[in-house]
Amino acid sequence: MVTDSVRARTLLESQIERIARLRGTGPNPFEYGLWDARTVELLSAIFGPESPQLTAYYEAAGIRGRLPGVRGQAEDMTLNIFGQWGIRARLDRGEVVLKQILGAL
């Protein structure tokens, strides 16, 4: 668990800053997957695995089963870049949630 609020703030700011690079790379589904996994890891470490913050992030950008416009099955899929559940939209929604969480720290 991350108990230092300054450290937590720094870690979340770093994730938000990475969003611009992800957008600039296309975004690349592999790189997005790494970013998403790290975001989930940080939110779990800072707030806990059952926290409202992690739930809010998951609802906004979390990867869940097969959705319209998403190739693959269950949790094993390649995300599209465009569309409501494409990577760009997930980044947009994820950024909003992360900034709200950061603002509440």
PDB file of N, CA and C in Angstrom:
ATOM      1  N   MET A   1       0.840  -1.195   0.000  1.00  0.00           N
ATOM      2  CA  MET A   1       0.000   0.000   0.000  1.00  0.00           C
ATOM      3  C   MET A   1       0.880   1.253   0.000  1.00  0.00           C
ATOM      4  N   VAL A   2       0.461   2.248  -0.750  1.00  0.00           N
ATOM      5  CA  VAL A   2       1.132   3.545  -0.757  1.00  0.00           C
ATOM      6  C   VAL A   2       0.409   4.414   0.265  1.00  0.00           C
ATOM      7  N   THR A   3       1.126   4.766   1.329  1.00  0.00           N
ATOM      8  CA  THR A   3       0.484   5.547   2.393  1.00  0.00           C
ATOM      9  C   THR A   3       0.901   7.006   2.383  1.00  0.00           C
ATOM     10  N   ASP A   4       1.941   7.338   1.641  1.00  0.00           N
ATOM     11  CA  ASP A   4       2.433   8.707   1.547  1.00  0.00           C
ATOM     12  C   ASP A   4       1.644   9.445   0.464  1.00  0.00           C
ATOM     13  N   SER A   5       0.897  10.485   0.843  1.00  0.00           N
ATOM     14  CA  SER A   5       0.046  11.181  -0.134  1.00  0.00           C
ATOM     15  C   SER A   5       0.862  11.899  -1.205  1.00  0.00           C
ATOM     16  N   VAL A   6       2.056  12.356  -0.882  1.00  0.00           N
ATOM     17  CA  VAL A   6       2.904  13.016  -1.881  1.00  0.00           C
ATOM     18  C   VAL A   6       3.347  11.992  -2.924  1.00  0.00           C
ATOM     19  N   ARG A   7       3.738  10.817  -2.458  1.00  0.00           N
ATOM     20  CA  ARG A   7       4.153   9.741  -3.376  1.00  0.00           C
ATOM     21  C   ARG A   7       2.962   9.298  -4.240  1.00  0.00           C
ATOM     22  N   ALA A   8       1.810   9.159  -3.638  1.00  0.00           N
ATOM     23  CA  ALA A   8       0.611   8.761  -4.375  1.00  0.00           C
ATOM     24  C   ALA A   8       0.302   9.781  -5.460  1.00  0.00           C
ATOM     25  N   ARG A   9       0.390  11.030  -5.117  1.00  0.00           N
ATOM     26  CA  ARG A   9       0.140  12.116  -6.062  1.00  0.00           C
ATOM     27  C   ARG A   9       1.113  12.051  -7.237  1.00  0.00           C
ATOM     28  N   THR A  10       2.381  11.861  -6.931  1.00  0.00           N
ATOM     29  CA  THR A  10       3.424  11.776  -7.963  1.00  0.00           C
ATOM     30  C   THR A  10       3.167  10.607  -8.907  1.00  0.00           C
ATOM     31  N   LEU A  11       2.801   9.462  -8.357  1.00  0.00           N
ATOM     32  CA  LEU A  11       2.534   8.279  -9.173  1.00  0.00           C
ATOM     33  C   LEU A  11       1.333   8.487 -10.094  1.00  0.00           C
ATOM     34  N   LEU A  12       0.269   9.070  -9.578  1.00  0.00           N
ATOM     35  CA  LEU A  12      -0.911   9.321 -10.407  1.00  0.00           C
ATOM     36  C   LEU A  12      -0.635  10.379 -11.472  1.00  0.00           C
ATOM     37  N   GLU A  13       0.105  11.421 -11.119  1.00  0.00           N
ATOM     38  CA  GLU A  13       0.474  12.443 -12.106  1.00  0.00           C
ATOM     39  C   GLU A  13       1.288  11.825 -13.237  1.00  0.00           C
ATOM     40  N   SER A  14       2.157  10.904 -12.899  1.00  0.00           N
ATOM     41  CA  SER A  14       2.972  10.226 -13.905  1.00  0.00           C
ATOM     42  C   SER A  14       2.103   9.441 -14.885  1.00  0.00           C
ATOM     43  N   GLN A  15       1.083   8.770 -14.372  1.00  0.00           N
ATOM     44  CA  GLN A  15       0.172   8.033 -15.245  1.00  0.00           C
ATOM     45  C   GLN A  15      -0.598   8.971 -16.164  1.00  0.00           C
ATOM     46  N   ILE A  16      -1.024  10.099 -15.638  1.00  0.00           N
ATOM     47  CA  ILE A  16      -1.748  11.080 -16.449  1.00  0.00           C
ATOM     48  C   ILE A  16      -0.835  11.636 -17.540  1.00  0.00           C
ATOM     49  N   GLU A  17       0.416  11.920 -17.206  1.00  0.00           N
ATOM     50  CA  GLU A  17       1.369  12.449 -18.193  1.00  0.00           C
ATOM     51  C   GLU A  17       1.635  11.453 -19.310  1.00  0.00           C
ATOM     52  N   ARG A  18       1.581  10.165 -19.028  1.00  0.00           N
ATOM     53  CA  ARG A  18       1.827   9.136 -20.047  1.00  0.00           C
ATOM     54  C   ARG A  18       0.716   9.069 -21.097  1.00  0.00           C
ATOM     55  N   ILE A  19      -0.441   9.604 -20.783  1.00  0.00           N
ATOM     56  CA  ILE A  19      -1.568   9.547 -21.712  1.00  0.00           C
ATOM     57  C   ILE A  19      -1.228  10.264 -23.026  1.00  0.00           C
ATOM     58  N   ALA A  20      -0.565  11.396 -22.949  1.00  0.00           N
ATOM     59  CA  ALA A  20      -0.205  12.138 -24.169  1.00  0.00           C
ATOM     60  C   ALA A  20       0.694  11.292 -25.072  1.00  0.00           C
ATOM     61  N   ARG A  21       1.647  10.584 -24.493  1.00  0.00           N
ATOM     62  CA  ARG A  21       2.525   9.730 -25.292  1.00  0.00           C
ATOM     63  C   ARG A  21       1.734   8.591 -25.921  1.00  0.00           C
ATOM     64  N   LEU A  22       0.826   8.010 -25.154  1.00  0.00           N
ATOM     65  CA  LEU A  22       0.003   6.929 -25.703  1.00  0.00           C
ATOM     66  C   LEU A  22      -0.813   7.412 -26.898  1.00  0.00           C
ATOM     67  N   ARG A  23      -1.404   8.585 -26.764  1.00  0.00           N
ATOM     68  CA  ARG A  23      -2.180   9.143 -27.887  1.00  0.00           C
ATOM     69  C   ARG A  23      -1.278   9.363 -29.092  1.00  0.00           C
ATOM     70  N   GLY A  24      -0.050   9.796 -28.845  1.00  0.00           N
ATOM     71  CA  GLY A  24       0.889  10.079 -29.923  1.00  0.00           C
ATOM     72  C   GLY A  24       1.390   8.843 -30.653  1.00  0.00           C
ATOM     73  N   THR A  25       1.306   7.679 -30.023  1.00  0.00           N
ATOM     74  CA  THR A  25       1.778   6.449 -30.670  1.00  0.00           C
ATOM     75  C   THR A  25       0.676   5.722 -31.416  1.00  0.00           C
ATOM     76  N   GLY A  26      -0.465   6.321 -31.505  1.00  0.00           N
ATOM     77  CA  GLY A  26      -1.509   5.706 -32.316  1.00  0.00           C
ATOM     78  C   GLY A  26      -2.868   5.575 -31.678  1.00  0.00           C
ATOM     79  N   PRO A  27      -3.079   5.152 -30.510  1.00  0.00           N
ATOM     80  CA  PRO A  27      -2.182   4.515 -29.548  1.00  0.00           C
ATOM     81  C   PRO A  27      -1.984   3.023 -29.840  1.00  0.00           C
ATOM     82  N   ASN A  28      -0.865   2.525 -29.427  1.00  0.00           N
ATOM     83  CA  ASN A  28      -0.503   1.129 -29.598  1.00  0.00           C
ATOM     84  C   ASN A  28      -1.234   0.288 -28.547  1.00  0.00           C
ATOM     85  N   PRO A  29      -1.990  -0.739 -28.956  1.00  0.00           N
ATOM     86  CA  PRO A  29      -2.740  -1.549 -27.990  1.00  0.00           C
ATOM     87  C   PRO A  29      -1.864  -2.197 -26.915  1.00  0.00           C
ATOM     88  N   PHE A  30      -0.664  -2.629 -27.277  1.00  0.00           N
ATOM     89  CA  PHE A  30       0.233  -3.244 -26.290  1.00  0.00           C
ATOM     90  C   PHE A  30       0.643  -2.227 -25.232  1.00  0.00           C
ATOM     91  N   GLU A  31       1.039  -1.039 -25.672  1.00  0.00           N
ATOM     92  CA  GLU A  31       1.448   0.003 -24.730  1.00  0.00           C
ATOM     93  C   GLU A  31       0.278   0.448 -23.863  1.00  0.00           C
ATOM     94  N   TYR A  32      -0.910   0.519 -24.461  1.00  0.00           N
ATOM     95  CA  TYR A  32      -2.096   0.863 -23.677  1.00  0.00           C
ATOM     96  C   TYR A  32      -2.334  -0.196 -22.601  1.00  0.00           C
ATOM     97  N   GLY A  33      -2.195  -1.458 -22.961  1.00  0.00           N
ATOM     98  CA  GLY A  33      -2.385  -2.538 -21.998  1.00  0.00           C
ATOM     99  C   GLY A  33      -1.441  -2.423 -20.814  1.00  0.00           C
ATOM    100  N   LEU A  34      -0.190  -2.074 -21.082  1.00  0.00           N
ATOM    101  CA  LEU A  34       0.782  -1.876 -19.998  1.00  0.00           C
ATOM    102  C   LEU A  34       0.386  -0.693 -19.120  1.00  0.00           C
ATOM    103  N   TRP A  35      -0.030   0.401 -19.769  1.00  0.00           N
ATOM    104  CA  TRP A  35      -0.439   1.591 -19.018  1.00  0.00           C
ATOM    105  C   TRP A  35      -1.660   1.284 -18.150  1.00  0.00           C
ATOM    106  N   ASP A  36      -2.628   0.594 -18.727  1.00  0.00           N
ATOM    107  CA  ASP A  36      -3.848   0.252 -17.987  1.00  0.00           C
ATOM    108  C   ASP A  36      -3.518  -0.647 -16.789  1.00  0.00           C
ATOM    109  N   ALA A  37      -2.681  -1.648 -17.007  1.00  0.00           N
ATOM    110  CA  ALA A  37      -2.311  -2.552 -15.910  1.00  0.00           C
ATOM    111  C   ALA A  37      -1.601  -1.791 -14.789  1.00  0.00           C
ATOM    112  N   ARG A  38      -0.724  -0.867 -15.155  1.00  0.00           N
ATOM    113  CA  ARG A  38      -0.022  -0.068 -14.145  1.00  0.00           C
ATOM    114  C   ARG A  38      -0.989   0.858 -13.411  1.00  0.00           C
ATOM    115  N   THR A  39      -1.940   1.420 -14.130  1.00  0.00           N
ATOM    116  CA  THR A  39      -2.937   2.288 -13.500  1.00  0.00           C
ATOM    117  C   THR A  39      -3.745   1.510 -12.465  1.00  0.00           C
ATOM    118  N   VAL A  40      -4.192   0.321 -12.825  1.00  0.00           N
ATOM    119  CA  VAL A  40      -4.950  -0.529 -11.900  1.00  0.00           C
ATOM    120  C   VAL A  40      -4.079  -0.896 -10.698  1.00  0.00           C
ATOM    121  N   GLU A  41      -2.834  -1.227 -10.966  1.00  0.00           N
ATOM    122  CA  GLU A  41      -1.900  -1.576  -9.885  1.00  0.00           C
ATOM    123  C   GLU A  41      -1.728  -0.412  -8.908  1.00  0.00           C
ATOM    124  N   LEU A  42      -1.552   0.792  -9.435  1.00  0.00           N
ATOM    125  CA  LEU A  42      -1.370   1.970  -8.576  1.00  0.00           C
ATOM    126  C   LEU A  42      -2.629   2.287  -7.776  1.00  0.00           C
ATOM    127  N   LEU A  43      -3.773   2.278  -8.430  1.00  0.00           N
ATOM    128  CA  LEU A  43      -5.020   2.572  -7.717  1.00  0.00           C
ATOM    129  C   LEU A  43      -5.273   1.540  -6.619  1.00  0.00           C
ATOM    130  N   SER A  44      -4.970   0.298  -6.892  1.00  0.00           N
ATOM    131  CA  SER A  44      -5.125  -0.749  -5.875  1.00  0.00           C
ATOM    132  C   SER A  44      -4.172  -0.542  -4.709  1.00  0.00           C
ATOM    133  N   ALA A  45      -2.930  -0.157  -5.017  1.00  0.00           N
ATOM    134  CA  ALA A  45      -1.932   0.045  -3.971  1.00  0.00           C
ATOM    135  C   ALA A  45      -2.225   1.288  -3.136  1.00  0.00           C
ATOM    136  N   ILE A  46      -2.742   2.322  -3.766  1.00  0.00           N
ATOM    137  CA  ILE A  46      -2.992   3.583  -3.057  1.00  0.00           C
ATOM    138  C   ILE A  46      -4.305   3.524  -2.273  1.00  0.00           C
ATOM    139  N   PHE A  47      -5.358   3.024  -2.900  1.00  0.00           N
ATOM    140  CA  PHE A  47      -6.688   3.098  -2.298  1.00  0.00           C
ATOM    141  C   PHE A  47      -7.266   1.748  -1.873  1.00  0.00           C
ATOM    142  N   GLY A  48      -6.705   0.671  -2.353  1.00  0.00           N
ATOM    143  CA  GLY A  48      -7.214  -0.658  -2.031  1.00  0.00           C
ATOM    144  C   GLY A  48      -7.955  -1.269  -3.205  1.00  0.00           C
ATOM    145  N   PRO A  49      -7.952  -2.611  -3.286  1.00  0.00           N
ATOM    146  CA  PRO A  49      -8.558  -3.299  -4.427  1.00  0.00           C
ATOM    147  C   PRO A  49     -10.074  -3.194  -4.517  1.00  0.00           C
ATOM    148  N   GLU A  50     -10.726  -2.815  -3.457  1.00  0.00           N
ATOM    149  CA  GLU A  50     -12.191  -2.681  -3.469  1.00  0.00           C
ATOM    150  C   GLU A  50     -12.616  -1.219  -3.345  1.00  0.00           C
ATOM    151  N   SER A  51     -11.699  -0.313  -3.646  1.00  0.00           N
ATOM    152  CA  SER A  51     -11.951   1.115  -3.436  1.00  0.00           C
ATOM    153  C   SER A  51     -12.903   1.707  -4.477  1.00  0.00           C
ATOM    154  N   PRO A  52     -13.597   2.779  -4.099  1.00  0.00           N
ATOM    155  CA  PRO A  52     -14.447   3.481  -5.072  1.00  0.00           C
ATOM    156  C   PRO A  52     -13.625   4.096  -6.204  1.00  0.00           C
ATOM    157  N   GLN A  53     -12.379   4.449  -5.922  1.00  0.00           N
ATOM    158  CA  GLN A  53     -11.515   5.039  -6.952  1.00  0.00           C
ATOM    159  C   GLN A  53     -11.211   4.013  -8.039  1.00  0.00           C
ATOM    160  N   LEU A  54     -10.877   2.804  -7.634  1.00  0.00           N
ATOM    161  CA  LEU A  54     -10.591   1.758  -8.613  1.00  0.00           C
ATOM    162  C   LEU A  54     -11.862   1.383  -9.377  1.00  0.00           C
ATOM    163  N   THR A  55     -12.974   1.328  -8.689  1.00  0.00           N
ATOM    164  CA  THR A  55     -14.255   1.030  -9.341  1.00  0.00           C
ATOM    165  C   THR A  55     -14.590   2.098 -10.382  1.00  0.00           C
ATOM    166  N   ALA A  56     -14.383   3.365 -10.035  1.00  0.00           N
ATOM    167  CA  ALA A  56     -14.659   4.464 -10.974  1.00  0.00           C
ATOM    168  C   ALA A  56     -13.783   4.355 -12.215  1.00  0.00           C
ATOM    169  N   TYR A  57     -12.506   4.029 -12.010  1.00  0.00           N
ATOM    170  CA  TYR A  57     -11.603   3.877 -13.155  1.00  0.00           C
ATOM    171  C   TYR A  57     -12.062   2.705 -14.027  1.00  0.00           C
ATOM    172  N   TYR A  58     -12.379   1.589 -13.388  1.00  0.00           N
ATOM    173  CA  TYR A  58     -12.792   0.410 -14.142  1.00  0.00           C
ATOM    174  C   TYR A  58     -14.065   0.680 -14.949  1.00  0.00           C
ATOM    175  N   GLU A  59     -15.007   1.376 -14.357  1.00  0.00           N
ATOM    176  CA  GLU A  59     -16.250   1.692 -15.071  1.00  0.00           C
ATOM    177  C   GLU A  59     -15.984   2.617 -16.258  1.00  0.00           C
ATOM    178  N   ALA A  60     -15.010   3.495 -16.134  1.00  0.00           N
ATOM    179  CA  ALA A  60     -14.699   4.444 -17.206  1.00  0.00           C
ATOM    180  C   ALA A  60     -13.850   3.822 -18.308  1.00  0.00           C
ATOM    181  N   ALA A  61     -12.867   3.004 -17.932  1.00  0.00           N
ATOM    182  CA  ALA A  61     -11.897   2.572 -18.919  1.00  0.00           C
ATOM    183  C   ALA A  61     -11.503   1.109 -18.823  1.00  0.00           C
ATOM    184  N   GLY A  62     -12.052   0.398 -17.861  1.00  0.00           N
ATOM    185  CA  GLY A  62     -11.622  -0.976 -17.622  1.00  0.00           C
ATOM    186  C   GLY A  62     -11.910  -1.919 -18.773  1.00  0.00           C
ATOM    187  N   ILE A  63     -11.067  -2.896 -18.897  1.00  0.00           N
ATOM    188  CA  ILE A  63     -11.241  -3.905 -19.930  1.00  0.00           C
ATOM    189  C   ILE A  63     -12.192  -4.960 -19.392  1.00  0.00           C
ATOM    190  N   ARG A  64     -13.263  -5.197 -20.112  1.00  0.00           N
ATOM    191  CA  ARG A  64     -14.219  -6.218 -19.731  1.00  0.00           C
ATOM    192  C   ARG A  64     -14.594  -6.998 -20.976  1.00  0.00           C
ATOM    193  N   GLY A  65     -15.190  -8.128 -20.835  1.00  0.00           N
ATOM    194  CA  GLY A  65     -15.549  -9.035 -21.919  1.00  0.00           C
ATOM    195  C   GLY A  65     -15.764  -8.437 -23.297  1.00  0.00           C
ATOM    196  N   ARG A  66     -16.260  -9.210 -24.171  1.00  0.00           N
ATOM    197  CA  ARG A  66     -16.465  -8.772 -25.559  1.00  0.00           C
ATOM    198  C   ARG A  66     -17.526  -7.685 -25.620  1.00  0.00           C
ATOM    199  N   LEU A  67     -17.173  -6.578 -26.217  1.00  0.00           N
ATOM    200  CA  LEU A  67     -18.068  -5.439 -26.377  1.00  0.00           C
ATOM    201  C   LEU A  67     -18.223  -5.129 -27.856  1.00  0.00           C
ATOM    202  N   PRO A  68     -19.266  -4.422 -28.227  1.00  0.00           N
ATOM    203  CA  PRO A  68     -19.405  -4.047 -29.635  1.00  0.00           C
ATOM    204  C   PRO A  68     -18.169  -3.292 -30.110  1.00  0.00           C
ATOM    205  N   GLY A  69     -17.629  -3.689 -31.232  1.00  0.00           N
ATOM    206  CA  GLY A  69     -16.478  -3.009 -31.796  1.00  0.00           C
ATOM    207  C   GLY A  69     -15.151  -3.446 -31.219  1.00  0.00           C
ATOM    208  N   VAL A  70     -15.142  -4.463 -30.377  1.00  0.00           N
ATOM    209  CA  VAL A  70     -13.902  -4.952 -29.787  1.00  0.00           C
ATOM    210  C   VAL A  70     -13.644  -6.354 -30.313  1.00  0.00           C
ATOM    211  N   ARG A  71     -12.454  -6.545 -30.861  1.00  0.00           N
ATOM    212  CA  ARG A  71     -12.095  -7.862 -31.384  1.00  0.00           C
ATOM    213  C   ARG A  71     -11.627  -8.748 -30.234  1.00  0.00           C
ATOM    214  N   GLY A  72     -11.811 -10.045 -30.363  1.00  0.00           N
ATOM    215  CA  GLY A  72     -11.333 -10.996 -29.375  1.00  0.00           C
ATOM    216  C   GLY A  72     -12.443 -11.512 -28.493  1.00  0.00           C
ATOM    217  N   GLN A  73     -12.077 -12.315 -27.523  1.00  0.00           N
ATOM    218  CA  GLN A  73     -13.055 -12.910 -26.635  1.00  0.00           C
ATOM    219  C   GLN A  73     -12.662 -12.679 -25.192  1.00  0.00           C
ATOM    220  N   ALA A  74     -13.667 -12.504 -24.360  1.00  0.00           N
ATOM    221  CA  ALA A  74     -13.492 -12.325 -22.913  1.00  0.00           C
ATOM    222  C   ALA A  74     -12.431 -11.272 -22.634  1.00  0.00           C
ATOM    223  N   GLU A  75     -11.491 -11.557 -21.746  1.00  0.00           N
ATOM    224  CA  GLU A  75     -10.458 -10.586 -21.387  1.00  0.00           C
ATOM    225  C   GLU A  75      -9.259 -10.661 -22.328  1.00  0.00           C
ATOM    226  N   ASP A  76      -9.261 -11.597 -23.261  1.00  0.00           N
ATOM    227  CA  ASP A  76      -8.141 -11.769 -24.176  1.00  0.00           C
ATOM    228  C   ASP A  76      -8.535 -11.173 -25.526  1.00  0.00           C
ATOM    229  N   MET A  77      -8.211  -9.911 -25.719  1.00  0.00           N
ATOM    230  CA  MET A  77      -8.650  -9.250 -26.937  1.00  0.00           C
ATOM    231  C   MET A  77      -7.673  -8.170 -27.357  1.00  0.00           C
ATOM    232  N   THR A  78      -7.774  -7.770 -28.579  1.00  0.00           N
ATOM    233  CA  THR A  78      -7.052  -6.617 -29.076  1.00  0.00           C
ATOM    234  C   THR A  78      -8.058  -5.486 -29.170  1.00  0.00           C
ATOM    235  N   LEU A  79      -7.778  -4.398 -28.493  1.00  0.00           N
ATOM    236  CA  LEU A  79      -8.713  -3.274 -28.495  1.00  0.00           C
ATOM    237  C   LEU A  79      -8.599  -2.473 -29.780  1.00  0.00           C
ATOM    238  N   ASN A  80      -9.730  -1.997 -30.247  1.00  0.00           N
ATOM    239  CA  ASN A  80      -9.738  -1.061 -31.369  1.00  0.00           C
ATOM    240  C   ASN A  80      -9.232   0.287 -30.870  1.00  0.00           C
ATOM    241  N   ILE A  81      -8.845   1.124 -31.785  1.00  0.00           N
ATOM    242  CA  ILE A  81      -8.396   2.466 -31.416  1.00  0.00           C
ATOM    243  C   ILE A  81      -9.581   3.411 -31.320  1.00  0.00           C
ATOM    244  N   PHE A  82     -10.547   3.252 -32.224  1.00  0.00           N
ATOM    245  CA  PHE A  82     -11.685   4.162 -32.285  1.00  0.00           C
ATOM    246  C   PHE A  82     -12.937   3.510 -31.715  1.00  0.00           C
ATOM    247  N   GLY A  83     -13.974   4.299 -31.531  1.00  0.00           N
ATOM    248  CA  GLY A  83     -15.243   3.795 -31.032  1.00  0.00           C
ATOM    249  C   GLY A  83     -15.398   4.059 -29.543  1.00  0.00           C
ATOM    250  N   GLN A  84     -16.598   3.824 -29.045  1.00  0.00           N
ATOM    251  CA  GLN A  84     -16.919   4.109 -27.648  1.00  0.00           C
ATOM    252  C   GLN A  84     -16.010   3.363 -26.678  1.00  0.00           C
ATOM    253  N   TRP A  85     -15.628   2.122 -27.008  1.00  0.00           N
ATOM    254  CA  TRP A  85     -14.749   1.351 -26.133  1.00  0.00           C
ATOM    255  C   TRP A  85     -13.378   1.140 -26.745  1.00  0.00           C
ATOM    256  N   GLY A  86     -13.044   1.976 -27.734  1.00  0.00           N
ATOM    257  CA  GLY A  86     -11.698   1.945 -28.291  1.00  0.00           C
ATOM    258  C   GLY A  86     -10.708   2.588 -27.324  1.00  0.00           C
ATOM    259  N   ILE A  87      -9.452   2.449 -27.636  1.00  0.00           N
ATOM    260  CA  ILE A  87      -8.397   2.935 -26.742  1.00  0.00           C
ATOM    261  C   ILE A  87      -8.486   4.442 -26.534  1.00  0.00           C
ATOM    262  N   ARG A  88      -8.729   5.195 -27.593  1.00  0.00           N
ATOM    263  CA  ARG A  88      -8.785   6.660 -27.426  1.00  0.00           C
ATOM    264  C   ARG A  88      -9.891   7.085 -26.466  1.00  0.00           C
ATOM    265  N   ALA A  89     -11.055   6.493 -26.587  1.00  0.00           N
ATOM    266  CA  ALA A  89     -12.161   6.837 -25.690  1.00  0.00           C
ATOM    267  C   ALA A  89     -11.858   6.393 -24.263  1.00  0.00           C
ATOM    268  N   ARG A  90     -11.229   5.244 -24.112  1.00  0.00           N
ATOM    269  CA  ARG A  90     -10.844   4.773 -22.773  1.00  0.00           C
ATOM    270  C   ARG A  90      -9.833   5.730 -22.140  1.00  0.00           C
ATOM    271  N   LEU A  91      -8.877   6.194 -22.946  1.00  0.00           N
ATOM    272  CA  LEU A  91      -7.902   7.158 -22.428  1.00  0.00           C
ATOM    273  C   LEU A  91      -8.586   8.453 -22.008  1.00  0.00           C
ATOM    274  N   ASP A  92      -9.521   8.928 -22.815  1.00  0.00           N
ATOM    275  CA  ASP A  92     -10.241  10.163 -22.476  1.00  0.00           C
ATOM    276  C   ASP A  92     -10.981  10.012 -21.150  1.00  0.00           C
ATOM    277  N   ARG A  93     -11.737   8.938 -21.023  1.00  0.00           N
ATOM    278  CA  ARG A  93     -12.502   8.720 -19.783  1.00  0.00           C
ATOM    279  C   ARG A  93     -11.591   8.435 -18.604  1.00  0.00           C
ATOM    280  N   GLY A  94     -10.542   7.655 -18.841  1.00  0.00           N
ATOM    281  CA  GLY A  94      -9.594   7.343 -17.772  1.00  0.00           C
ATOM    282  C   GLY A  94      -8.888   8.583 -17.260  1.00  0.00           C
ATOM    283  N   GLU A  95      -8.540   9.478 -18.180  1.00  0.00           N
ATOM    284  CA  GLU A  95      -7.873  10.726 -17.787  1.00  0.00           C
ATOM    285  C   GLU A  95      -8.780  11.562 -16.887  1.00  0.00           C
ATOM    286  N   VAL A  96     -10.045  11.652 -17.245  1.00  0.00           N
ATOM    287  CA  VAL A  96     -11.001  12.418 -16.432  1.00  0.00           C
ATOM    288  C   VAL A  96     -11.066  11.848 -15.022  1.00  0.00           C
ATOM    289  N   VAL A  97     -11.197  10.529 -14.915  1.00  0.00           N
ATOM    290  CA  VAL A  97     -11.298   9.887 -13.605  1.00  0.00           C
ATOM    291  C   VAL A  97     -10.011  10.088 -12.800  1.00  0.00           C
ATOM    292  N   LEU A  98      -8.861   9.903 -13.432  1.00  0.00           N
ATOM    293  CA  LEU A  98      -7.592  10.071 -12.715  1.00  0.00           C
ATOM    294  C   LEU A  98      -7.409  11.510 -12.222  1.00  0.00           C
ATOM    295  N   LYS A  99      -7.825  12.467 -13.026  1.00  0.00           N
ATOM    296  CA  LYS A  99      -7.722  13.862 -12.597  1.00  0.00           C
ATOM    297  C   LYS A  99      -8.681  14.156 -11.443  1.00  0.00           C
ATOM    298  N   GLN A 100      -9.848  13.560 -11.457  1.00  0.00           N
ATOM    299  CA  GLN A 100     -10.793  13.728 -10.333  1.00  0.00           C
ATOM    300  C   GLN A 100     -10.206  13.098  -9.064  1.00  0.00           C
ATOM    301  N   ILE A 101      -9.627  11.935  -9.185  1.00  0.00           N
ATOM    302  CA  ILE A 101      -9.024  11.270  -8.033  1.00  0.00           C
ATOM    303  C   ILE A 101      -7.864  12.099  -7.514  1.00  0.00           C
ATOM    304  N   LEU A 102      -7.048  12.601  -8.417  1.00  0.00           N
ATOM    305  CA  LEU A 102      -5.902  13.429  -8.028  1.00  0.00           C
ATOM    306  C   LEU A 102      -6.364  14.694  -7.329  1.00  0.00           C
ATOM    307  N   GLY A 103      -7.429  15.306  -7.821  1.00  0.00           N
ATOM    308  CA  GLY A 103      -7.949  16.511  -7.217  1.00  0.00           C
ATOM    309  C   GLY A 103      -8.478  16.292  -5.811  1.00  0.00           C
ATOM    310  N   ALA A 104      -8.917  15.072  -5.527  1.00  0.00           N
ATOM    311  CA  ALA A 104      -9.459  14.760  -4.201  1.00  0.00           C
ATOM    312  C   ALA A 104      -8.370  14.409  -3.189  1.00  0.00           C
ATOM    313  N   LEU A 105      -7.147  14.197  -3.665  1.00  0.00           N
ATOM    314  CA  LEU A 105      -6.055  13.849  -2.726  1.00  0.00           C
ATOM    315  C   LEU A 105      -5.625  15.050  -1.907  1.00  0.00           C
TER     316      LEU A 105
END
